[in-house]
Amino acid sequence: ISIGYFPGSQLYLVEGNRLYEYYYYILNTTASHYFTLGKLPVQAVFTYNQFYNKYSDSLVNGSQSCYNIFWTAWAGRFSYQLNYSSQKTKIVNLSTLEGGATFACNNFKIGASIKWNVSGNTNKTGYSTNLGLSLKRAGTISFIYDRSFIPDISGSILPVSTGQIQIIKPIKFSI
């Protein structure tokens, strides 16, 4: 279980040419539990975020609150994910259900998921893909692409595409 309060900032590229920075403060709580169902290892994670916006002139209607439930199970070289999230704003609520799978072997992993986004009478489909390579000296390098939706100030939802490159290198140290 963890609880934190911290400032945050996100950059949005709007209409392919305008860059907008959005500031906020976040109260974050996370609870995680690892268990087995029969012989199947499972991890469940619950997060709750309360956002305190610093500016209100954004094109994006930042969530006032958001919670997520993540469920992952492992079977052999596969992992299976099922996630649910709910974003509540003053104007609109957005619920997302996501399901996916990842295949991993030795120094390689590849995965994908599909997302169903519901806001009022609007239903939109999103997706996510990932590719990871484990390199002995560099660590693990992951490439992630995500197509999602966020609420805007008019009460509708905007498509958002994000790409990430993550490099994770364990550091060995002692105290």
C-alpha atoms as a PDB file:
ATOM      1  CA  ILE A   1       0.000   0.000   0.000  1.00  0.00           C
ATOM      2  CA  SER A   2       1.318   3.456  -0.862  1.00  0.00           C
ATOM      3  CA  ILE A   3      -0.013   6.996  -0.566  1.00  0.00           C
ATOM      4  CA  GLY A   4       1.543  10.099  -2.110  1.00  0.00           C
ATOM      5  CA  TYR A   5       0.878  13.723  -3.009  1.00  0.00           C
ATOM      6  CA  PHE A   6       2.896  15.297  -5.801  1.00  0.00           C
ATOM      7  CA  PRO A   7       2.853  17.869  -8.637  1.00  0.00           C
ATOM      8  CA  GLY A   8       2.481  16.725 -12.230  1.00  0.00           C
ATOM      9  CA  SER A   9       2.603  18.078 -15.760  1.00  0.00           C
ATOM     10  CA  GLN A  10       1.658  16.671 -19.158  1.00  0.00           C
ATOM     11  CA  LEU A  11       2.412  17.961 -22.634  1.00  0.00           C
ATOM     12  CA  TYR A  12      -0.295  17.701 -25.313  1.00  0.00           C
ATOM     13  CA  LEU A  13       0.279  18.170 -29.022  1.00  0.00           C
ATOM     14  CA  VAL A  14      -3.021  19.548 -30.295  1.00  0.00           C
ATOM     15  CA  GLU A  15      -4.013  19.365 -33.968  1.00  0.00           C
ATOM     16  CA  GLY A  16      -0.484  18.308 -34.835  1.00  0.00           C
ATOM     17  CA  ASN A  17       1.052  21.753 -34.301  1.00  0.00           C
ATOM     18  CA  ARG A  18       0.162  23.353 -30.927  1.00  0.00           C
ATOM     19  CA  LEU A  19       1.958  22.212 -27.780  1.00  0.00           C
ATOM     20  CA  TYR A  20       0.087  22.729 -24.520  1.00  0.00           C
ATOM     21  CA  GLU A  21       1.316  22.008 -20.996  1.00  0.00           C
ATOM     22  CA  TYR A  22      -1.219  21.048 -18.354  1.00  0.00           C
ATOM     23  CA  TYR A  23      -0.365  21.373 -14.634  1.00  0.00           C
ATOM     24  CA  TYR A  24      -2.001  19.566 -11.734  1.00  0.00           C
ATOM     25  CA  TYR A  25      -1.407  18.127  -8.278  1.00  0.00           C
ATOM     26  CA  ILE A  26      -2.195  14.498  -7.529  1.00  0.00           C
ATOM     27  CA  LEU A  27      -3.201  12.583  -4.430  1.00  0.00           C
ATOM     28  CA  ASN A  28      -2.282   8.996  -5.327  1.00  0.00           C
ATOM     29  CA  THR A  29      -3.077   5.771  -3.509  1.00  0.00           C
ATOM     30  CA  THR A  30      -2.096   2.276  -4.622  1.00  0.00           C
ATOM     31  CA  ALA A  31      -2.825  -1.142  -3.140  1.00  0.00           C
ATOM     32  CA  SER A  32      -1.266  -4.265  -4.637  1.00  0.00           C
ATOM     33  CA  HIS A  33      -1.756  -7.924  -3.776  1.00  0.00           C
ATOM     34  CA  TYR A  34      -0.006 -10.995  -5.218  1.00  0.00           C
ATOM     35  CA  PHE A  35      -1.679 -14.405  -4.791  1.00  0.00           C
ATOM     36  CA  THR A  36      -2.339 -17.688  -6.571  1.00  0.00           C
ATOM     37  CA  LEU A  37      -5.550 -19.152  -7.957  1.00  0.00           C
ATOM     38  CA  GLY A  38      -4.816 -22.855  -7.905  1.00  0.00           C
ATOM     39  CA  LYS A  39      -1.397 -22.913  -9.593  1.00  0.00           C
ATOM     40  CA  LEU A  40      -1.920 -19.650 -11.487  1.00  0.00           C
ATOM     41  CA  PRO A  41       0.062 -16.669 -10.103  1.00  0.00           C
ATOM     42  CA  VAL A  42      -2.032 -13.485 -10.088  1.00  0.00           C
ATOM     43  CA  GLN A  43      -1.437  -9.865  -9.186  1.00  0.00           C
ATOM     44  CA  ALA A  44      -4.235  -7.383  -8.502  1.00  0.00           C
ATOM     45  CA  VAL A  45      -3.554  -3.641  -8.234  1.00  0.00           C
ATOM     46  CA  PHE A  46      -6.020  -0.907  -7.288  1.00  0.00           C
ATOM     47  CA  THR A  47      -5.149   2.775  -7.758  1.00  0.00           C
ATOM     48  CA  TYR A  48      -7.084   5.907  -6.898  1.00  0.00           C
ATOM     49  CA  ASN A  49      -6.018   9.392  -7.996  1.00  0.00           C
ATOM     50  CA  GLN A  50      -7.582  12.692  -6.990  1.00  0.00           C
ATOM     51  CA  PHE A  51      -6.439  15.564  -9.231  1.00  0.00           C
ATOM     52  CA  TYR A  52      -6.272  19.163  -8.065  1.00  0.00           C
ATOM     53  CA  ASN A  53      -5.926  21.287 -11.201  1.00  0.00           C
ATOM     54  CA  LYS A  54      -3.697  24.348 -11.132  1.00  0.00           C
ATOM     55  CA  TYR A  55      -5.146  25.881 -14.324  1.00  0.00           C
ATOM     56  CA  SER A  56      -8.648  25.652 -15.746  1.00  0.00           C
ATOM     57  CA  ASP A  57      -8.070  26.978 -19.292  1.00  0.00           C
ATOM     58  CA  SER A  58      -6.992  23.649 -20.748  1.00  0.00           C
ATOM     59  CA  LEU A  59      -8.470  22.071 -23.851  1.00  0.00           C
ATOM     60  CA  VAL A  60      -8.330  18.830 -21.886  1.00  0.00           C
ATOM     61  CA  ASN A  61     -10.753  18.375 -19.011  1.00  0.00           C
ATOM     62  CA  GLY A  62      -8.487  16.766 -16.453  1.00  0.00           C
ATOM     63  CA  SER A  63      -9.990  14.073 -14.289  1.00  0.00           C
ATOM     64  CA  GLN A  64     -11.204  15.208 -10.925  1.00  0.00           C
ATOM     65  CA  SER A  65     -10.840  11.611  -9.798  1.00  0.00           C
ATOM     66  CA  CYS A  66      -9.773   8.381 -11.407  1.00  0.00           C
ATOM     67  CA  TYR A  67      -9.531   4.805 -10.254  1.00  0.00           C
ATOM     68  CA  ASN A  68      -8.048   1.748 -11.919  1.00  0.00           C
ATOM     69  CA  ILE A  69      -8.208  -1.961 -11.270  1.00  0.00           C
ATOM     70  CA  PHE A  70      -5.413  -3.983 -12.908  1.00  0.00           C
ATOM     71  CA  TRP A  71      -5.401  -7.773 -12.945  1.00  0.00           C
ATOM     72  CA  THR A  72      -2.533  -9.852 -14.354  1.00  0.00           C
ATOM     73  CA  ALA A  73      -2.157 -13.645 -14.434  1.00  0.00           C
ATOM     74  CA  TRP A  74       0.828 -15.686 -15.652  1.00  0.00           C
ATOM     75  CA  ALA A  75       0.710 -19.078 -17.382  1.00  0.00           C
ATOM     76  CA  GLY A  76       3.930 -20.369 -18.911  1.00  0.00           C
ATOM     77  CA  ARG A  77       5.354 -17.840 -21.369  1.00  0.00           C
ATOM     78  CA  PHE A  78       2.109 -15.837 -21.461  1.00  0.00           C
ATOM     79  CA  SER A  79       0.692 -13.165 -19.195  1.00  0.00           C
ATOM     80  CA  TYR A  80      -2.899 -12.010 -19.422  1.00  0.00           C
ATOM     81  CA  GLN A  81      -4.132  -8.579 -18.392  1.00  0.00           C
ATOM     82  CA  LEU A  82      -7.595  -7.278 -17.627  1.00  0.00           C
ATOM     83  CA  ASN A  83      -7.954  -3.638 -16.574  1.00  0.00           C
ATOM     84  CA  TYR A  84     -10.842  -1.335 -15.733  1.00  0.00           C
ATOM     85  CA  SER A  85     -10.624   2.417 -15.216  1.00  0.00           C
ATOM     86  CA  SER A  86     -13.113   5.160 -14.494  1.00  0.00           C
ATOM     87  CA  GLN A  87     -12.382   8.877 -14.935  1.00  0.00           C
ATOM     88  CA  LYS A  88     -14.858  11.325 -13.442  1.00  0.00           C
ATOM     89  CA  THR A  89     -14.832  15.008 -14.368  1.00  0.00           C
ATOM     90  CA  LYS A  90     -17.287  17.828 -13.699  1.00  0.00           C
ATOM     91  CA  ILE A  91     -18.720  17.348 -17.201  1.00  0.00           C
ATOM     92  CA  VAL A  92     -18.244  13.739 -18.289  1.00  0.00           C
ATOM     93  CA  ASN A  93     -17.403  10.253 -17.051  1.00  0.00           C
ATOM     94  CA  LEU A  94     -15.198   7.935 -19.092  1.00  0.00           C
ATOM     95  CA  SER A  95     -15.003   4.199 -18.392  1.00  0.00           C
ATOM     96  CA  THR A  96     -12.446   1.944 -20.073  1.00  0.00           C
ATOM     97  CA  LEU A  97     -12.215  -1.851 -20.116  1.00  0.00           C
ATOM     98  CA  GLU A  98      -8.971  -3.278 -21.509  1.00  0.00           C
ATOM     99  CA  GLY A  99      -7.936  -6.867 -22.153  1.00  0.00           C
ATOM    100  CA  GLY A 100      -4.658  -8.177 -23.538  1.00  0.00           C
ATOM    101  CA  ALA A 101      -1.872 -10.720 -23.534  1.00  0.00           C
ATOM    102  CA  THR A 102       1.914 -10.743 -23.638  1.00  0.00           C
ATOM    103  CA  PHE A 103       4.261 -13.500 -24.837  1.00  0.00           C
ATOM    104  CA  ALA A 104       7.769 -13.588 -23.359  1.00  0.00           C
ATOM    105  CA  CYS A 105      10.794 -15.790 -24.001  1.00  0.00           C
ATOM    106  CA  ASN A 106      14.441 -15.471 -22.980  1.00  0.00           C
ATOM    107  CA  ASN A 107      15.346 -11.907 -24.059  1.00  0.00           C
ATOM    108  CA  PHE A 108      12.190 -10.906 -25.933  1.00  0.00           C
ATOM    109  CA  LYS A 109       8.558 -10.041 -25.209  1.00  0.00           C
ATOM    110  CA  ILE A 110       5.670  -8.849 -27.352  1.00  0.00           C
ATOM    111  CA  GLY A 111       2.138  -7.960 -26.357  1.00  0.00           C
ATOM    112  CA  ALA A 112      -1.071  -6.199 -27.334  1.00  0.00           C
ATOM    113  CA  SER A 113      -4.387  -5.191 -25.848  1.00  0.00           C
ATOM    114  CA  ILE A 114      -7.690  -3.752 -26.973  1.00  0.00           C
ATOM    115  CA  LYS A 115      -9.674  -1.095 -25.094  1.00  0.00           C
ATOM    116  CA  TRP A 116     -13.369  -0.296 -25.010  1.00  0.00           C
ATOM    117  CA  ASN A 117     -14.036   3.308 -23.985  1.00  0.00           C
ATOM    118  CA  VAL A 118     -17.545   4.417 -22.998  1.00  0.00           C
ATOM    119  CA  SER A 119     -18.641   7.978 -22.245  1.00  0.00           C
ATOM    120  CA  GLY A 120     -22.377   8.655 -22.252  1.00  0.00           C
ATOM    121  CA  ASN A 121     -23.658   7.395 -25.619  1.00  0.00           C
ATOM    122  CA  THR A 122     -20.156   7.386 -27.162  1.00  0.00           C
ATOM    123  CA  ASN A 123     -18.221   4.123 -27.594  1.00  0.00           C
ATOM    124  CA  LYS A 124     -14.660   4.210 -28.933  1.00  0.00           C
ATOM    125  CA  THR A 125     -12.097   1.444 -29.404  1.00  0.00           C
ATOM    126  CA  GLY A 126      -8.432   1.911 -28.533  1.00  0.00           C
ATOM    127  CA  TYR A 127      -5.437  -0.380 -28.372  1.00  0.00           C
ATOM    128  CA  SER A 128      -1.917  -0.772 -27.032  1.00  0.00           C
ATOM    129  CA  THR A 129       1.151  -2.669 -28.273  1.00  0.00           C
ATOM    130  CA  ASN A 130       4.510  -3.338 -26.677  1.00  0.00           C
ATOM    131  CA  LEU A 131       7.822  -4.883 -27.616  1.00  0.00           C
ATOM    132  CA  GLY A 132      10.644  -5.513 -25.145  1.00  0.00           C
ATOM    133  CA  LEU A 133      14.255  -6.587 -25.610  1.00  0.00           C
ATOM    134  CA  SER A 134      16.633  -7.573 -22.824  1.00  0.00           C
ATOM    135  CA  LEU A 135      20.196  -6.513 -23.594  1.00  0.00           C
ATOM    136  CA  LYS A 136      22.843  -7.703 -21.117  1.00  0.00           C
ATOM    137  CA  ARG A 137      24.713  -4.412 -20.644  1.00  0.00           C
ATOM    138  CA  ALA A 138      21.934  -1.924 -21.444  1.00  0.00           C
ATOM    139  CA  GLY A 139      19.115  -3.492 -19.431  1.00  0.00           C
ATOM    140  CA  THR A 140      15.601  -3.956 -20.763  1.00  0.00           C
ATOM    141  CA  ILE A 141      14.446  -1.669 -23.579  1.00  0.00           C
ATOM    142  CA  SER A 142      10.705  -1.477 -24.206  1.00  0.00           C
ATOM    143  CA  PHE A 143       8.827   0.211 -27.035  1.00  0.00           C
ATOM    144  CA  ILE A 144       5.196   1.012 -26.239  1.00  0.00           C
ATOM    145  CA  TYR A 145       2.459   2.549 -28.387  1.00  0.00           C
ATOM    146  CA  ASP A 146      -0.949   3.415 -26.964  1.00  0.00           C
ATOM    147  CA  ARG A 147      -4.131   4.741 -28.586  1.00  0.00           C
ATOM    148  CA  SER A 148      -6.549   5.989 -25.917  1.00  0.00           C
ATOM    149  CA  PHE A 149      -9.143   8.666 -25.249  1.00  0.00           C
ATOM    150  CA  ILE A 150      -9.428  11.514 -22.725  1.00  0.00           C
ATOM    151  CA  PRO A 151     -12.328  13.824 -21.837  1.00  0.00           C
ATOM    152  CA  ASP A 152     -12.273  17.365 -23.258  1.00  0.00           C
ATOM    153  CA  ILE A 153     -13.954  20.525 -21.938  1.00  0.00           C
ATOM    154  CA  SER A 154     -17.004  20.104 -24.207  1.00  0.00           C
ATOM    155  CA  GLY A 155     -17.962  16.758 -22.655  1.00  0.00           C
ATOM    156  CA  SER A 156     -16.787  14.586 -25.546  1.00  0.00           C
ATOM    157  CA  ILE A 157     -13.648  12.436 -25.650  1.00  0.00           C
ATOM    158  CA  LEU A 158     -10.505  13.131 -27.669  1.00  0.00           C
ATOM    159  CA  PRO A 159      -8.250  10.485 -29.226  1.00  0.00           C
ATOM    160  CA  VAL A 160      -4.719  10.430 -27.789  1.00  0.00           C
ATOM    161  CA  SER A 161      -1.732   8.549 -29.206  1.00  0.00           C
ATOM    162  CA  THR A 162       1.371   8.086 -27.064  1.00  0.00           C
ATOM    163  CA  GLY A 163       4.665   6.396 -27.727  1.00  0.00           C
ATOM    164  CA  GLN A 164       7.240   5.478 -25.122  1.00  0.00           C
ATOM    165  CA  ILE A 165      10.722   4.088 -25.022  1.00  0.00           C
ATOM    166  CA  GLN A 166      11.604   2.745 -21.591  1.00  0.00           C
ATOM    167  CA  ILE A 167      15.043   1.644 -20.494  1.00  0.00           C
ATOM    168  CA  ILE A 168      15.207  -0.261 -17.228  1.00  0.00           C
ATOM    169  CA  LYS A 169      18.616  -1.104 -15.831  1.00  0.00           C
ATOM    170  CA  PRO A 170      18.883  -2.594 -12.344  1.00  0.00           C
ATOM    171  CA  ILE A 171      21.492  -0.896 -10.184  1.00  0.00           C
ATOM    172  CA  LYS A 172      23.386  -2.989  -7.676  1.00  0.00           C
ATOM    173  CA  PHE A 173      24.270  -1.205  -4.469  1.00  0.00           C
ATOM    174  CA  SER A 174      24.390  -1.852  -0.754  1.00  0.00           C
ATOM    175  CA  ILE A 175      23.897   0.285   2.319  1.00  0.00           C
END
